[in-house]
Amino acid sequence: MCGKLLSAKSFKRWNGVLLLVVDLPDGSPGTIRADATDVMGPGTEAVRGKVVLDAAGLRELYRLVHQLATSHNVAI
């Protein structure tokens, strides 16, 4: 199917791998690893599998973790 344009329907995760759900030419659904496509746009190869946070994102992550820990009475 290399080079074919397929209609993308959704994403799903299976065993920790992000998959893209597509319509195959015969109308049946199919899945392909999202990182094997260009669905995430150009330049994603360098950061694939990594999360990059700026300072504001890091503060928000800390706030969310703190909120979750507090609601479950867990010390962080």
N, C-alpha and C. Protein backbone atom coordinates (compact mmCIF):
# COMPACT_ATOMS: atom_id res chain seq x y z
N MET A 1 0.82 -1.18 0.00
CA MET A 1 0.00 0.00 0.00
C MET A 1 0.87 1.26 0.00
N CYS A 2 2.17 1.09 -0.10
CA CYS A 2 3.08 2.23 -0.06
C CYS A 2 2.71 3.26 -1.12
N GLY A 3 2.56 4.50 -0.70
CA GLY A 3 2.23 5.57 -1.61
C GLY A 3 0.75 5.77 -1.84
N LYS A 4 -0.08 4.89 -1.30
CA LYS A 4 -1.53 5.00 -1.47
C LYS A 4 -2.09 5.99 -0.45
N LEU A 5 -3.10 6.76 -0.86
CA LEU A 5 -3.78 7.68 0.04
C LEU A 5 -5.00 6.98 0.59
N LEU A 6 -5.06 6.84 1.91
CA LEU A 6 -6.18 6.17 2.57
C LEU A 6 -6.88 7.14 3.49
N SER A 7 -8.15 6.92 3.71
CA SER A 7 -8.93 7.75 4.62
C SER A 7 -8.67 7.29 6.05
N ALA A 8 -8.20 8.22 6.89
CA ALA A 8 -7.93 7.91 8.29
C ALA A 8 -9.20 8.14 9.10
N LYS A 9 -9.53 7.21 9.98
CA LYS A 9 -10.75 7.29 10.77
C LYS A 9 -10.49 7.64 12.23
N SER A 10 -9.49 7.05 12.85
CA SER A 10 -9.24 7.27 14.27
C SER A 10 -7.88 6.71 14.64
N PHE A 11 -7.55 6.86 15.92
CA PHE A 11 -6.35 6.27 16.49
C PHE A 11 -6.77 5.27 17.54
N LYS A 12 -5.91 4.30 17.80
CA LYS A 12 -6.08 3.43 18.95
C LYS A 12 -4.71 2.99 19.40
N ARG A 13 -4.62 2.55 20.62
CA ARG A 13 -3.37 2.08 21.18
C ARG A 13 -3.48 0.59 21.45
N TRP A 14 -2.46 -0.16 21.06
CA TRP A 14 -2.44 -1.59 21.29
C TRP A 14 -1.04 -1.95 21.74
N ASN A 15 -0.94 -2.53 22.93
CA ASN A 15 0.37 -2.88 23.53
C ASN A 15 1.31 -1.68 23.55
N GLY A 16 0.75 -0.50 23.82
CA GLY A 16 1.57 0.70 23.93
C GLY A 16 1.94 1.35 22.61
N VAL A 17 1.49 0.78 21.49
CA VAL A 17 1.83 1.32 20.17
C VAL A 17 0.63 2.09 19.63
N LEU A 18 0.88 3.32 19.17
CA LEU A 18 -0.18 4.14 18.59
C LEU A 18 -0.44 3.66 17.16
N LEU A 19 -1.69 3.29 16.91
CA LEU A 19 -2.09 2.80 15.59
C LEU A 19 -3.08 3.78 14.96
N LEU A 20 -3.02 3.88 13.64
CA LEU A 20 -3.96 4.68 12.87
C LEU A 20 -4.95 3.72 12.24
N VAL A 21 -6.25 3.98 12.43
CA VAL A 21 -7.29 3.16 11.82
C VAL A 21 -7.66 3.81 10.49
N VAL A 22 -7.60 3.04 9.41
CA VAL A 22 -7.84 3.55 8.06
C VAL A 22 -8.89 2.71 7.35
N ASP A 23 -9.47 3.29 6.29
CA ASP A 23 -10.34 2.53 5.39
C ASP A 23 -9.49 2.00 4.26
N LEU A 24 -9.48 0.68 4.09
CA LEU A 24 -8.75 0.05 3.01
C LEU A 24 -9.54 0.19 1.71
N PRO A 25 -8.89 0.03 0.55
CA PRO A 25 -9.58 0.21 -0.73
C PRO A 25 -10.84 -0.66 -0.89
N ASP A 26 -10.88 -1.82 -0.24
CA ASP A 26 -12.07 -2.69 -0.36
C ASP A 26 -13.18 -2.29 0.63
N GLY A 27 -12.93 -1.21 1.41
CA GLY A 27 -13.93 -0.74 2.35
C GLY A 27 -13.79 -1.28 3.76
N SER A 28 -12.93 -2.25 3.94
CA SER A 28 -12.74 -2.81 5.28
C SER A 28 -11.79 -1.93 6.08
N PRO A 29 -11.90 -1.99 7.42
CA PRO A 29 -10.98 -1.20 8.24
C PRO A 29 -9.63 -1.89 8.34
N GLY A 30 -8.61 -1.10 8.52
CA GLY A 30 -7.27 -1.62 8.71
C GLY A 30 -6.53 -0.76 9.71
N THR A 31 -5.45 -1.26 10.25
CA THR A 31 -4.63 -0.47 11.17
C THR A 31 -3.19 -0.49 10.70
N ILE A 32 -2.50 0.60 10.99
CA ILE A 32 -1.08 0.71 10.66
C ILE A 32 -0.44 1.53 11.77
N ARG A 33 0.79 1.21 12.09
CA ARG A 33 1.50 2.01 13.09
C ARG A 33 1.51 3.46 12.64
N ALA A 34 1.11 4.35 13.52
CA ALA A 34 1.06 5.77 13.18
C ALA A 34 2.44 6.30 12.80
N ASP A 35 3.49 5.76 13.43
CA ASP A 35 4.83 6.24 13.13
C ASP A 35 5.36 5.74 11.78
N ALA A 36 4.60 4.88 11.11
CA ALA A 36 4.97 4.43 9.77
C ALA A 36 4.32 5.31 8.70
N THR A 37 3.58 6.32 9.14
CA THR A 37 2.90 7.22 8.22
C THR A 37 3.38 8.65 8.46
N ASP A 38 2.84 9.57 7.66
CA ASP A 38 3.13 10.99 7.88
C ASP A 38 1.95 11.70 8.52
N VAL A 39 1.08 10.93 9.19
CA VAL A 39 -0.13 11.50 9.78
C VAL A 39 0.18 12.55 10.84
N MET A 40 1.30 12.45 11.52
CA MET A 40 1.65 13.41 12.56
C MET A 40 2.35 14.64 11.99
N GLY A 41 2.54 14.68 10.69
CA GLY A 41 3.16 15.84 10.06
C GLY A 41 4.66 15.66 9.89
N PRO A 42 5.27 16.60 9.17
CA PRO A 42 6.72 16.51 8.92
C PRO A 42 7.52 16.81 10.18
N GLY A 43 8.70 16.22 10.27
CA GLY A 43 9.60 16.52 11.37
C GLY A 43 9.33 15.76 12.65
N THR A 44 8.41 14.81 12.64
CA THR A 44 8.10 14.10 13.87
C THR A 44 9.09 12.97 14.14
N GLU A 45 9.92 12.63 13.18
CA GLU A 45 10.85 11.51 13.36
C GLU A 45 11.81 11.76 14.51
N ALA A 46 12.24 13.01 14.69
CA ALA A 46 13.25 13.31 15.71
C ALA A 46 12.71 13.19 17.12
N VAL A 47 11.40 13.37 17.32
CA VAL A 47 10.85 13.34 18.67
C VAL A 47 9.87 12.20 18.87
N ARG A 48 9.80 11.29 17.93
CA ARG A 48 8.87 10.18 18.05
C ARG A 48 9.13 9.40 19.32
N GLY A 49 8.07 9.16 20.08
CA GLY A 49 8.20 8.41 21.31
C GLY A 49 8.64 9.24 22.50
N LYS A 50 8.82 10.53 22.30
CA LYS A 50 9.24 11.41 23.39
C LYS A 50 8.21 12.53 23.54
N VAL A 51 8.15 13.08 24.73
CA VAL A 51 7.28 14.21 25.01
C VAL A 51 8.16 15.38 25.38
N VAL A 52 7.91 16.51 24.74
CA VAL A 52 8.68 17.71 25.03
C VAL A 52 7.75 18.72 25.68
N LEU A 53 8.12 19.17 26.87
CA LEU A 53 7.32 20.17 27.59
C LEU A 53 8.13 21.44 27.76
N ASP A 54 7.47 22.57 27.54
CA ASP A 54 8.11 23.83 27.89
C ASP A 54 7.87 24.07 29.39
N ALA A 55 8.33 25.20 29.90
CA ALA A 55 8.21 25.47 31.34
C ALA A 55 6.75 25.47 31.78
N ALA A 56 5.88 26.08 30.98
CA ALA A 56 4.45 26.12 31.34
C ALA A 56 3.85 24.72 31.35
N GLY A 57 4.24 23.90 30.40
CA GLY A 57 3.74 22.52 30.35
C GLY A 57 4.22 21.70 31.54
N LEU A 58 5.47 21.92 31.94
CA LEU A 58 6.03 21.22 33.09
C LEU A 58 5.31 21.63 34.38
N ARG A 59 5.02 22.94 34.52
CA ARG A 59 4.28 23.40 35.69
C ARG A 59 2.88 22.80 35.72
N GLU A 60 2.22 22.73 34.57
CA GLU A 60 0.88 22.16 34.51
C GLU A 60 0.92 20.67 34.83
N LEU A 61 1.91 19.95 34.34
CA LEU A 61 2.05 18.53 34.66
C LEU A 61 2.24 18.35 36.17
N TYR A 62 3.10 19.17 36.78
CA TYR A 62 3.31 19.09 38.22
C TYR A 62 2.01 19.36 38.98
N ARG A 63 1.25 20.38 38.53
CA ARG A 63 -0.02 20.71 39.17
C ARG A 63 -0.98 19.53 39.11
N LEU A 64 -1.06 18.89 37.93
CA LEU A 64 -1.97 17.75 37.77
C LEU A 64 -1.54 16.56 38.63
N VAL A 65 -0.25 16.28 38.67
CA VAL A 65 0.25 15.17 39.49
C VAL A 65 -0.02 15.46 40.96
N HIS A 66 0.25 16.69 41.38
CA HIS A 66 0.00 17.07 42.77
C HIS A 66 -1.48 16.94 43.12
N GLN A 67 -2.34 17.39 42.22
CA GLN A 67 -3.79 17.29 42.44
C GLN A 67 -4.23 15.84 42.55
N LEU A 68 -3.71 14.99 41.67
CA LEU A 68 -4.06 13.57 41.70
C LEU A 68 -3.54 12.91 42.97
N ALA A 69 -2.31 13.21 43.34
CA ALA A 69 -1.73 12.62 44.55
C ALA A 69 -2.51 13.05 45.78
N THR A 70 -2.89 14.32 45.85
CA THR A 70 -3.65 14.83 46.99
C THR A 70 -5.01 14.13 47.08
N SER A 71 -5.64 13.93 45.95
CA SER A 71 -6.97 13.30 45.97
C SER A 71 -6.90 11.83 46.37
N HIS A 72 -5.72 11.23 46.26
CA HIS A 72 -5.55 9.82 46.64
C HIS A 72 -4.70 9.68 47.91
N ASN A 73 -4.48 10.77 48.59
CA ASN A 73 -3.68 10.80 49.83
C ASN A 73 -2.31 10.15 49.66
N VAL A 74 -1.62 10.53 48.61
CA VAL A 74 -0.28 10.02 48.33
C VAL A 74 0.71 11.17 48.45
N ALA A 75 1.79 10.97 49.17
CA ALA A 75 2.82 12.01 49.29
C ALA A 75 3.70 12.00 48.04
N ILE A 76 4.01 13.20 47.58
CA ILE A 76 4.93 13.29 46.44
C ILE A 76 6.18 14.03 46.83
